[in-house]
C-alpha atoms as a PDB file:
ATOM      1  CA  UNK A   1     121.353-104.612 239.254  1.00  0.00           C
ATOM      2  CA  UNK A   2     121.068-100.815 240.137  1.00  0.00           C
ATOM      3  CA  UNK A   3     122.607 -98.336 237.912  1.00  0.00           C
ATOM      4  CA  UNK A   4     125.370 -97.262 240.108  1.00  0.00           C
ATOM      5  CA  UNK A   5     126.684-100.969 240.527  1.00  0.00           C
ATOM      6  CA  UNK A   6     126.273-101.368 236.847  1.00  0.00           C
ATOM      7  CA  UNK A   7     128.420 -98.356 236.015  1.00  0.00           C
ATOM      8  CA  UNK A   8     131.086 -99.485 238.521  1.00  0.00           C
ATOM      9  CA  UNK A   9     131.190-103.038 237.080  1.00  0.00           C
ATOM     10  CA  UNK A  10     131.471-101.663 233.576  1.00  0.00           C
ATOM     11  CA  UNK A  11     134.276 -99.383 234.647  1.00  0.00           C
ATOM     12  CA  UNK A  12     136.248-102.327 236.136  1.00  0.00           C
ATOM     13  CA  UNK A  13     135.393-104.522 233.114  1.00  0.00           C
ATOM     14  CA  UNK A  14     136.836-101.931 230.701  1.00  0.00           C
ATOM     15  CA  UNK A  15     139.880-101.440 232.706  1.00  0.00           C
ATOM     16  CA  UNK A  16     140.581-105.280 232.916  1.00  0.00           C
ATOM     17  CA  UNK A  17     139.985-105.643 229.233  1.00  0.00           C
ATOM     18  CA  UNK A  18     142.507-102.871 228.391  1.00  0.00           C
ATOM     19  CA  UNK A  19     145.046-104.619 230.643  1.00  0.00           C
ATOM     20  CA  UNK A  20     144.390-107.928 228.853  1.00  0.00           C
ATOM     21  CA  UNK A  21     144.971-106.261 225.513  1.00  0.00           C
ATOM     22  CA  UNK A  22     147.778-103.946 226.338  1.00  0.00           C
ATOM     23  CA  UNK A  23     149.753-105.863 228.854  1.00  0.00           C
ATOM     24  CA  UNK A  24     148.904-109.413 228.223  1.00  0.00           C
ATOM     25  CA  UNK A  25     148.883-108.839 224.614  1.00  0.00           C
ATOM     26  CA  UNK A  26     145.624-111.026 224.103  1.00  0.00           C
ATOM     27  CA  UNK A  27     143.829-110.753 220.806  1.00  0.00           C
ATOM     28  CA  UNK A  28     140.549-108.848 220.408  1.00  0.00           C
ATOM     29  CA  UNK A  29     138.706-112.216 220.078  1.00  0.00           C
ATOM     30  CA  UNK A  30     140.153-113.539 223.457  1.00  0.00           C
ATOM     31  CA  UNK A  31     139.256-110.265 225.203  1.00  0.00           C
ATOM     32  CA  UNK A  32     135.703-110.521 223.864  1.00  0.00           C
ATOM     33  CA  UNK A  33     135.377-114.047 225.300  1.00  0.00           C
ATOM     34  CA  UNK A  34     136.662-112.687 228.696  1.00  0.00           C
ATOM     35  CA  UNK A  35     134.063-109.819 228.452  1.00  0.00           C
ATOM     36  CA  UNK A  36     131.226-112.379 227.917  1.00  0.00           C
ATOM     37  CA  UNK A  37     132.305-114.534 230.897  1.00  0.00           C
ATOM     38  CA  UNK A  38     132.561-111.546 233.182  1.00  0.00           C
ATOM     39  CA  UNK A  39     129.113-110.163 232.172  1.00  0.00           C
ATOM     40  CA  UNK A  40     127.768-113.555 233.215  1.00  0.00           C
ATOM     41  CA  UNK A  41     129.313-112.905 236.625  1.00  0.00           C
ATOM     42  CA  UNK A  42     127.814-109.460 236.906  1.00  0.00           C
ATOM     43  CA  UNK A  43     124.252-110.834 235.941  1.00  0.00           C
ATOM     44  CA  UNK A  44     124.629-113.635 238.483  1.00  0.00           C
ATOM     45  CA  UNK A  45     125.804-111.351 241.324  1.00  0.00           C
ATOM     46  CA  UNK A  46     122.949-108.927 240.634  1.00  0.00           C
ATOM     47  CA  UNK A  47     122.983-106.134 243.219  1.00  0.00           C
ATOM     48  CA  UNK A  48     125.665-107.817 245.330  1.00  0.00           C
ATOM     49  CA  UNK A  49     128.809-105.823 245.267  1.00  0.00           C
ATOM     50  CA  UNK A  50     131.853-107.614 243.876  1.00  0.00           C
ATOM     51  CA  UNK A  51     133.891-107.066 247.158  1.00  0.00           C
ATOM     52  CA  UNK A  52     131.112-108.915 249.262  1.00  0.00           C
ATOM     53  CA  UNK A  53     131.209-112.058 247.071  1.00  0.00           C
ATOM     54  CA  UNK A  54     132.494-115.213 248.830  1.00  0.00           C
ATOM     55  CA  UNK A  55     133.518-118.604 247.739  1.00  0.00           C
ATOM     56  CA  UNK A  56     130.053-120.115 248.452  1.00  0.00           C
ATOM     57  CA  UNK A  57     128.544-117.384 246.190  1.00  0.00           C
ATOM     58  CA  UNK A  58     130.899-118.292 243.317  1.00  0.00           C
ATOM     59  CA  UNK A  59     130.174-121.963 243.923  1.00  0.00           C
ATOM     60  CA  UNK A  60     126.564-121.238 243.754  1.00  0.00           C
ATOM     61  CA  UNK A  61     126.896-119.303 240.529  1.00  0.00           C
ATOM     62  CA  UNK A  62     128.883-122.138 238.873  1.00  0.00           C
ATOM     63  CA  UNK A  63     126.187-124.476 239.960  1.00  0.00           C
ATOM     64  CA  UNK A  64     123.531-122.476 238.322  1.00  0.00           C
ATOM     65  CA  UNK A  65     125.454-122.426 234.998  1.00  0.00           C
ATOM     66  CA  UNK A  66     126.024-126.038 235.208  1.00  0.00           C
ATOM     67  CA  UNK A  67     122.358-126.805 235.884  1.00  0.00           C
ATOM     68  CA  UNK A  68     121.540-124.600 232.805  1.00  0.00           C
ATOM     69  CA  UNK A  69     123.570-127.068 230.656  1.00  0.00           C
ATOM     70  CA  UNK A  70     127.154-125.351 230.517  1.00  0.00           C
ATOM     71  CA  UNK A  71     129.779-128.211 230.229  1.00  0.00           C
ATOM     72  CA  UNK A  72     132.868-128.701 232.294  1.00  0.00           C
ATOM     73  CA  UNK A  73     135.342-127.103 230.025  1.00  0.00           C
ATOM     74  CA  UNK A  74     133.147-124.004 229.579  1.00  0.00           C
ATOM     75  CA  UNK A  75     132.812-123.672 233.251  1.00  0.00           C
ATOM     76  CA  UNK A  76     136.494-124.120 233.827  1.00  0.00           C
ATOM     77  CA  UNK A  77     137.186-121.294 231.314  1.00  0.00           C
ATOM     78  CA  UNK A  78     134.618-119.071 232.871  1.00  0.00           C
ATOM     79  CA  UNK A  79     135.812-119.626 236.319  1.00  0.00           C
ATOM     80  CA  UNK A  80     139.443-118.799 235.086  1.00  0.00           C
ATOM     81  CA  UNK A  81     138.160-115.581 233.712  1.00  0.00           C
ATOM     82  CA  UNK A  82     136.503-114.714 237.003  1.00  0.00           C
ATOM     83  CA  UNK A  83     139.672-115.580 238.922  1.00  0.00           C
ATOM     84  CA  UNK A  84     141.772-113.389 236.861  1.00  0.00           C
ATOM     85  CA  UNK A  85     139.446-110.549 237.055  1.00  0.00           C
ATOM     86  CA  UNK A  86     139.311-110.663 240.917  1.00  0.00           C
ATOM     87  CA  UNK A  87     143.190-110.772 240.855  1.00  0.00           C
ATOM     88  CA  UNK A  88     143.118-107.731 238.829  1.00  0.00           C
ATOM     89  CA  UNK A  89     140.625-106.016 241.252  1.00  0.00           C
ATOM     90  CA  UNK A  90     142.881-106.848 244.234  1.00  0.00           C
ATOM     91  CA  UNK A  91     145.924-105.482 242.503  1.00  0.00           C
ATOM     92  CA  UNK A  92     144.482-102.349 241.003  1.00  0.00           C
ATOM     93  CA  UNK A  93     141.357-101.530 242.918  1.00  0.00           C
ATOM     94  CA  UNK A  94     141.893-102.435 246.485  1.00  0.00           C
ATOM     95  CA  UNK A  95     139.824-105.573 246.893  1.00  0.00           C
ATOM     96  CA  UNK A  96     141.029-107.908 249.709  1.00  0.00           C
ATOM     97  CA  UNK A  97     139.865-111.307 248.623  1.00  0.00           C
ATOM     98  CA  UNK A  98     139.532-113.592 245.632  1.00  0.00           C
ATOM     99  CA  UNK A  99     136.613-115.678 246.128  1.00  0.00           C
ATOM    100  CA  UNK A 100     137.439-117.947 243.101  1.00  0.00           C
ATOM    101  CA  UNK A 101     140.747-119.130 244.517  1.00  0.00           C
ATOM    102  CA  UNK A 102     140.717-122.901 245.223  1.00  0.00           C
ATOM    103  CA  UNK A 103     137.361-123.601 243.367  1.00  0.00           C
ATOM    104  CA  UNK A 104     137.301-126.001 240.403  1.00  0.00           C
ATOM    105  CA  UNK A 105     134.623-126.604 237.750  1.00  0.00           C
ATOM    106  CA  UNK A 106     132.816-129.871 237.440  1.00  0.00           C
ATOM    107  CA  UNK A 107     134.625-132.308 235.145  1.00  0.00           C
ATOM    108  CA  UNK A 108     133.064-133.288 231.839  1.00  0.00           C
ATOM    109  CA  UNK A 109     134.049-136.176 229.525  1.00  0.00           C
ATOM    110  CA  UNK A 110     137.167-135.305 227.501  1.00  0.00           C
ATOM    111  CA  UNK A 111     136.064-135.034 223.842  1.00  0.00           C
ATOM    112  CA  UNK A 112     138.609-135.358 221.067  1.00  0.00           C
ATOM    113  CA  UNK A 113     138.711-132.708 218.477  1.00  0.00           C
ATOM    114  CA  UNK A 114     136.833-133.428 215.267  1.00  0.00           C
ATOM    115  CA  UNK A 115     138.780-133.702 211.926  1.00  0.00           C
ATOM    116  CA  UNK A 116     137.746-133.996 208.329  1.00  0.00           C
ATOM    117  CA  UNK A 117     139.004-136.759 206.233  1.00  0.00           C
ATOM    118  CA  UNK A 118     141.583-135.730 203.669  1.00  0.00           C
ATOM    119  CA  UNK A 119     139.036-136.023 200.895  1.00  0.00           C
ATOM    120  CA  UNK A 120     136.439-133.942 202.815  1.00  0.00           C
ATOM    121  CA  UNK A 121     139.171-131.357 203.513  1.00  0.00           C
ATOM    122  CA  UNK A 122     140.171-131.164 199.853  1.00  0.00           C
ATOM    123  CA  UNK A 123     136.479-130.869 198.835  1.00  0.00           C
ATOM    124  CA  UNK A 124     135.941-128.059 201.210  1.00  0.00           C
ATOM    125  CA  UNK A 125     138.790-125.830 200.025  1.00  0.00           C
ATOM    126  CA  UNK A 126     138.317-126.622 196.250  1.00  0.00           C
ATOM    127  CA  UNK A 127     136.053-123.692 195.776  1.00  0.00           C
ATOM    128  CA  UNK A 128     135.091-122.316 192.262  1.00  0.00           C
ATOM    129  CA  UNK A 129     137.154-119.210 191.854  1.00  0.00           C
ATOM    130  CA  UNK A 130     134.424-117.446 189.957  1.00  0.00           C
ATOM    131  CA  UNK A 131     133.946-114.241 192.151  1.00  0.00           C
ATOM    132  CA  UNK A 132     136.201-111.945 194.201  1.00  0.00           C
ATOM    133  CA  UNK A 133     134.508-113.344 197.393  1.00  0.00           C
ATOM    134  CA  UNK A 134     135.180-116.845 196.353  1.00  0.00           C
ATOM    135  CA  UNK A 135     138.790-116.186 195.471  1.00  0.00           C
ATOM    136  CA  UNK A 136     139.334-114.525 198.827  1.00  0.00           C
ATOM    137  CA  UNK A 137     137.438-117.441 200.708  1.00  0.00           C
ATOM    138  CA  UNK A 138     139.458-120.020 198.796  1.00  0.00           C
ATOM    139  CA  UNK A 139     142.723-118.302 199.859  1.00  0.00           C
ATOM    140  CA  UNK A 140     141.663-118.116 203.584  1.00  0.00           C
ATOM    141  CA  UNK A 141     140.568-121.719 203.678  1.00  0.00           C
ATOM    142  CA  UNK A 142     143.487-123.010 201.892  1.00  0.00           C
ATOM    143  CA  UNK A 143     145.600-121.108 204.362  1.00  0.00           C
ATOM    144  CA  UNK A 144     143.761-122.653 207.280  1.00  0.00           C
ATOM    145  CA  UNK A 145     144.318-126.129 206.134  1.00  0.00           C
ATOM    146  CA  UNK A 146     147.794-125.637 204.695  1.00  0.00           C
ATOM    147  CA  UNK A 147     149.271-124.074 207.876  1.00  0.00           C
ATOM    148  CA  UNK A 148     146.929-124.917 210.741  1.00  0.00           C
ATOM    149  CA  UNK A 149     146.285-121.306 211.758  1.00  0.00           C
ATOM    150  CA  UNK A 150     143.934-120.159 214.571  1.00  0.00           C
ATOM    151  CA  UNK A 151     141.054-117.946 213.482  1.00  0.00           C
ATOM    152  CA  UNK A 152     142.562-114.864 215.238  1.00  0.00           C
ATOM    153  CA  UNK A 153     145.858-115.518 213.554  1.00  0.00           C
ATOM    154  CA  UNK A 154     144.452-115.559 210.114  1.00  0.00           C
ATOM    155  CA  UNK A 155     142.450-112.371 210.555  1.00  0.00           C
ATOM    156  CA  UNK A 156     145.337-110.717 212.024  1.00  0.00           C
ATOM    157  CA  UNK A 157     147.703-111.306 208.985  1.00  0.00           C
ATOM    158  CA  UNK A 158     149.070-108.516 206.733  1.00  0.00           C
ATOM    159  CA  UNK A 159     150.370-109.203 203.279  1.00  0.00           C
ATOM    160  CA  UNK A 160     153.905-108.639 204.574  1.00  0.00           C
ATOM    161  CA  UNK A 161     153.579-111.920 206.655  1.00  0.00           C
ATOM    162  CA  UNK A 162     153.627-113.944 203.456  1.00  0.00           C
ATOM    163  CA  UNK A 163     156.894-114.972 201.938  1.00  0.00           C
ATOM    164  CA  UNK A 164     156.002-116.407 198.527  1.00  0.00           C
ATOM    165  CA  UNK A 165     159.682-117.265 197.712  1.00  0.00           C
ATOM    166  CA  UNK A 166     160.420-119.145 200.961  1.00  0.00           C
ATOM    167  CA  UNK A 167     156.702-120.535 201.047  1.00  0.00           C
ATOM    168  CA  UNK A 168     156.211-119.397 204.490  1.00  0.00           C
ATOM    169  CA  UNK A 169     153.829-117.385 206.666  1.00  0.00           C
ATOM    170  CA  UNK A 170     154.876-115.461 209.786  1.00  0.00           C
ATOM    171  CA  UNK A 171     152.162-115.743 212.327  1.00  0.00           C
ATOM    172  CA  UNK A 172     151.731-113.953 215.655  1.00  0.00           C
ATOM    173  CA  UNK A 173     149.975-116.288 218.079  1.00  0.00           C
ATOM    174  CA  UNK A 174     148.938-116.485 221.642  1.00  0.00           C
ATOM    175  CA  UNK A 175     150.986-114.427 224.026  1.00  0.00           C
ATOM    176  CA  UNK A 176     152.304-112.323 221.082  1.00  0.00           C
ATOM    177  CA  UNK A 177     154.606-115.217 220.145  1.00  0.00           C
ATOM    178  CA  UNK A 178     155.686-115.345 216.517  1.00  0.00           C
ATOM    179  CA  UNK A 179     156.321-118.485 214.639  1.00  0.00           C
ATOM    180  CA  UNK A 180     157.130-119.453 210.917  1.00  0.00           C
ATOM    181  CA  UNK A 181     154.874-121.973 209.283  1.00  0.00           C
ATOM    182  CA  UNK A 182     155.351-123.550 205.820  1.00  0.00           C
ATOM    183  CA  UNK A 183     152.928-122.860 203.075  1.00  0.00           C
ATOM    184  CA  UNK A 184     151.731-125.524 200.621  1.00  0.00           C
ATOM    185  CA  UNK A 185     151.574-125.120 196.940  1.00  0.00           C
ATOM    186  CA  UNK A 186     147.815-124.920 196.850  1.00  0.00           C
ATOM    187  CA  UNK A 187     147.769-122.258 199.451  1.00  0.00           C
ATOM    188  CA  UNK A 188     150.464-120.318 197.555  1.00  0.00           C
ATOM    189  CA  UNK A 189     148.554-120.362 194.454  1.00  0.00           C
ATOM    190  CA  UNK A 190     145.125-119.378 196.031  1.00  0.00           C
ATOM    191  CA  UNK A 191     147.103-116.447 197.927  1.00  0.00           C
ATOM    192  CA  UNK A 192     148.531-115.360 194.582  1.00  0.00           C
ATOM    193  CA  UNK A 193     145.133-115.159 192.950  1.00  0.00           C
ATOM    194  CA  UNK A 194     143.827-113.141 195.968  1.00  0.00           C
ATOM    195  CA  UNK A 195     146.583-110.722 196.053  1.00  0.00           C
ATOM    196  CA  UNK A 196     146.131-109.881 192.348  1.00  0.00           C
ATOM    197  CA  UNK A 197     142.613-108.624 193.066  1.00  0.00           C
ATOM    198  CA  UNK A 198     143.173-107.359 196.628  1.00  0.00           C
ATOM    199  CA  UNK A 199     144.011-103.893 195.751  1.00  0.00           C
ATOM    200  CA  UNK A 200     140.625-103.433 194.186  1.00  0.00           C
ATOM    201  CA  UNK A 201     138.727-104.741 197.250  1.00  0.00           C
ATOM    202  CA  UNK A 202     140.638-103.093 200.028  1.00  0.00           C
ATOM    203  CA  UNK A 203     140.529 -99.505 201.249  1.00  0.00           C
ATOM    204  CA  UNK A 204     143.638 -97.528 200.195  1.00  0.00           C
ATOM    205  CA  UNK A 205     144.930 -97.374 203.784  1.00  0.00           C
ATOM    206  CA  UNK A 206     144.010-100.850 204.820  1.00  0.00           C
ATOM    207  CA  UNK A 207     146.906-103.148 205.629  1.00  0.00           C
ATOM    208  CA  UNK A 208     145.106-106.382 206.335  1.00  0.00           C
ATOM    209  CA  UNK A 209     145.683-109.498 204.050  1.00  0.00           C
ATOM    210  CA  UNK A 210     142.052-110.319 203.993  1.00  0.00           C
ATOM    211  CA  UNK A 211     139.279-107.693 203.899  1.00  0.00           C
ATOM    212  CA  UNK A 212     135.577-107.883 204.034  1.00  0.00           C
ATOM    213  CA  UNK A 213     132.720-106.237 201.959  1.00  0.00           C
ATOM    214  CA  UNK A 214     133.703-102.743 203.066  1.00  0.00           C
ATOM    215  CA  UNK A 215     137.390-102.999 202.334  1.00  0.00           C
ATOM    216  CA  UNK A 216     138.413-103.297 205.937  1.00  0.00           C
ATOM    217  CA  UNK A 217     140.120-106.119 207.872  1.00  0.00           C
ATOM    218  CA  UNK A 218     137.764-109.069 207.881  1.00  0.00           C
ATOM    219  CA  UNK A 219     136.130-109.885 211.181  1.00  0.00           C
ATOM    220  CA  UNK A 220     136.312-113.348 212.715  1.00  0.00           C
ATOM    221  CA  UNK A 221     132.539-113.712 212.549  1.00  0.00           C
ATOM    222  CA  UNK A 222     132.485-113.156 208.832  1.00  0.00           C
ATOM    223  CA  UNK A 223     135.142-115.875 208.336  1.00  0.00           C
ATOM    224  CA  UNK A 224     133.048-118.333 210.484  1.00  0.00           C
ATOM    225  CA  UNK A 225     129.892-117.678 208.513  1.00  0.00           C
ATOM    226  CA  UNK A 226     131.649-117.979 205.132  1.00  0.00           C
ATOM    227  CA  UNK A 227     133.119-121.316 206.190  1.00  0.00           C
ATOM    228  CA  UNK A 228     129.907-122.579 207.360  1.00  0.00           C
ATOM    229  CA  UNK A 229     128.120-121.482 204.021  1.00  0.00           C
ATOM    230  CA  UNK A 230     130.821-123.051 201.891  1.00  0.00           C
ATOM    231  CA  UNK A 231     130.612-126.277 203.977  1.00  0.00           C
ATOM    232  CA  UNK A 232     126.946-126.730 203.005  1.00  0.00           C
ATOM    233  CA  UNK A 233     127.480-125.669 199.340  1.00  0.00           C
ATOM    234  CA  UNK A 234     130.406-128.168 199.070  1.00  0.00           C
ATOM    235  CA  UNK A 235     128.195-131.010 200.429  1.00  0.00           C
ATOM    236  CA  UNK A 236     129.762-131.582 203.896  1.00  0.00           C
ATOM    237  CA  UNK A 237     127.624-132.960 206.584  1.00  0.00           C
ATOM    238  CA  UNK A 238     129.780-131.626 209.332  1.00  0.00           C
ATOM    239  CA  UNK A 239     129.238-128.438 211.075  1.00  0.00           C
ATOM    240  CA  UNK A 240     132.215-126.733 209.489  1.00  0.00           C
ATOM    241  CA  UNK A 241     134.166-124.116 211.464  1.00  0.00           C
ATOM    242  CA  UNK A 242     137.688-122.675 211.512  1.00  0.00           C
ATOM    243  CA  UNK A 243     139.066-124.843 214.199  1.00  0.00           C
ATOM    244  CA  UNK A 244     137.970-127.955 212.281  1.00  0.00           C
ATOM    245  CA  UNK A 245     140.415-127.197 209.544  1.00  0.00           C
ATOM    246  CA  UNK A 246     143.194-126.580 212.139  1.00  0.00           C
ATOM    247  CA  UNK A 247     142.409-129.938 213.674  1.00  0.00           C
ATOM    248  CA  UNK A 248     142.350-131.457 210.186  1.00  0.00           C
ATOM    249  CA  UNK A 249     145.682-130.010 209.419  1.00  0.00           C
ATOM    250  CA  UNK A 250     147.310-131.415 212.644  1.00  0.00           C
ATOM    251  CA  UNK A 251     145.726-134.799 212.227  1.00  0.00           C
ATOM    252  CA  UNK A 252     146.708-135.340 208.637  1.00  0.00           C
ATOM    253  CA  UNK A 253     150.389-134.101 209.106  1.00  0.00           C
ATOM    254  CA  UNK A 254     150.680-136.376 212.124  1.00  0.00           C
ATOM    255  CA  UNK A 255     149.214-139.310 210.358  1.00  0.00           C
ATOM    256  CA  UNK A 256     151.701-138.820 207.348  1.00  0.00           C
ATOM    257  CA  UNK A 257     154.843-137.915 209.442  1.00  0.00           C
ATOM    258  CA  UNK A 258     154.374-139.137 212.924  1.00  0.00           C
ATOM    259  CA  UNK A 259     156.389-136.227 214.078  1.00  0.00           C
ATOM    260  CA  UNK A 260     154.602-134.804 217.121  1.00  0.00           C
ATOM    261  CA  UNK A 261     157.245-132.115 217.889  1.00  0.00           C
ATOM    262  CA  UNK A 262     156.993-130.688 214.323  1.00  0.00           C
ATOM    263  CA  UNK A 263     153.189-130.537 214.668  1.00  0.00           C
ATOM    264  CA  UNK A 264     153.564-128.777 218.064  1.00  0.00           C
ATOM    265  CA  UNK A 265     155.833-126.223 216.358  1.00  0.00           C
ATOM    266  CA  UNK A 266     153.528-125.577 213.491  1.00  0.00           C
ATOM    267  CA  UNK A 267     150.425-125.168 215.695  1.00  0.00           C
ATOM    268  CA  UNK A 268     152.202-122.946 218.115  1.00  0.00           C
ATOM    269  CA  UNK A 269     151.429-125.018 221.175  1.00  0.00           C
ATOM    270  CA  UNK A 270     153.395-124.092 224.362  1.00  0.00           C
ATOM    271  CA  UNK A 271     153.213-127.604 225.728  1.00  0.00           C
ATOM    272  CA  UNK A 272     153.546-130.991 223.802  1.00  0.00           C
ATOM    273  CA  UNK A 273     150.683-132.406 225.985  1.00  0.00           C
ATOM    274  CA  UNK A 274     148.317-130.096 224.236  1.00  0.00           C
ATOM    275  CA  UNK A 275     149.404-131.501 220.721  1.00  0.00           C
ATOM    276  CA  UNK A 276     149.176-135.122 222.076  1.00  0.00           C
ATOM    277  CA  UNK A 277     145.417-135.135 221.733  1.00  0.00           C
ATOM    278  CA  UNK A 278     146.099-135.737 218.043  1.00  0.00           C
ATOM    279  CA  UNK A 279     147.866-138.921 218.670  1.00  0.00           C
ATOM    280  CA  UNK A 280     144.602-140.230 220.025  1.00  0.00           C
ATOM    281  CA  UNK A 281     142.958-139.211 216.752  1.00  0.00           C
ATOM    282  CA  UNK A 282     145.639-141.039 214.778  1.00  0.00           C
ATOM    283  CA  UNK A 283     145.143-144.052 216.902  1.00  0.00           C
ATOM    284  CA  UNK A 284     141.433-144.081 216.060  1.00  0.00           C
ATOM    285  CA  UNK A 285     142.178-143.925 212.405  1.00  0.00           C
ATOM    286  CA  UNK A 286     144.738-146.765 212.670  1.00  0.00           C
ATOM    287  CA  UNK A 287     142.244-148.826 214.658  1.00  0.00           C
ATOM    288  CA  UNK A 288     139.690-148.557 211.824  1.00  0.00           C
ATOM    289  CA  UNK A 289     142.190-149.569 209.337  1.00  0.00           C
ATOM    290  CA  UNK A 290     143.156-152.567 211.572  1.00  0.00           C
ATOM    291  CA  UNK A 291     139.539-153.591 212.053  1.00  0.00           C
ATOM    292  CA  UNK A 292     138.796-153.384 208.409  1.00  0.00           C
ATOM    293  CA  UNK A 293     141.896-155.199 207.248  1.00  0.00           C
ATOM    294  CA  UNK A 294     143.027-157.693 209.895  1.00  0.00           C
ATOM    295  CA  UNK A 295     141.335-161.134 209.660  1.00  0.00           C
ATOM    296  CA  UNK A 296     141.396-161.750 213.333  1.00  0.00           C
ATOM    297  CA  UNK A 297     140.516-158.080 214.369  1.00  0.00           C
ATOM    298  CA  UNK A 298     136.905-158.455 214.944  1.00  0.00           C
ATOM    299  CA  UNK A 299     135.172-160.825 217.482  1.00  0.00           C
ATOM    300  CA  UNK A 300     132.856-163.458 216.040  1.00  0.00           C
ATOM    301  CA  UNK A 301     129.324-163.272 217.301  1.00  0.00           C
END
């Protein structure tokens, strides 16, 4: 890509990301994901100006990424980011055509979200509170599992979002929507322990609930790395990541209560259909119990 085209594309990209953050109220993490997908577009287009791209070019780009091993869900997300970007260019920069309209990504098998067992989840969050880092991490992980938060929601929390008396946390989720989620007793105790030592760990002007080594708001990447590290230390074989605790929260609450609407509200899902995937996890769990317990469940060989 020549320098002039690269500079123009970067200017478009920065304008689009500013619009996503300021107008759409997307989180920094979501904006970074969009930026990554759009840089893929620029790399695939090379020296081709964006206003010359046609549907067959975009179809070819998607085919190249598919051949490189990118799955259907990732391709669909990438294509959605490109489509929104071209819509922005039409509205604000005079482009006349959106080459992504009408294109669909190849489908891939629908995978159910993974979840820890209740014993595994308890083992993961039962950290030895023997250092400031461990006290902080225990509070973060208990909060993940207790309230089913997204990673961006957790790192965006301030201490004022925690109501210790009501045992609730006020969360700002996707689309800048606020919801109130209950806090369990273990999460409350872990948060109290962290809040006692937080003033000595945070910079004087820092308002974040959780801070990193330099006393500033903790980054999503640090949370991911800490969770992965503790997963290994606590003897879990799974690849532990923040969304795994969110999935485990939803699965365990649904198994205990059967209240899909309540789980939807606590997860902050706009549509009940998004939450219904956990009913399939619940059915898998019940099927295992049935197969193990019912005398006529298994076929004789």
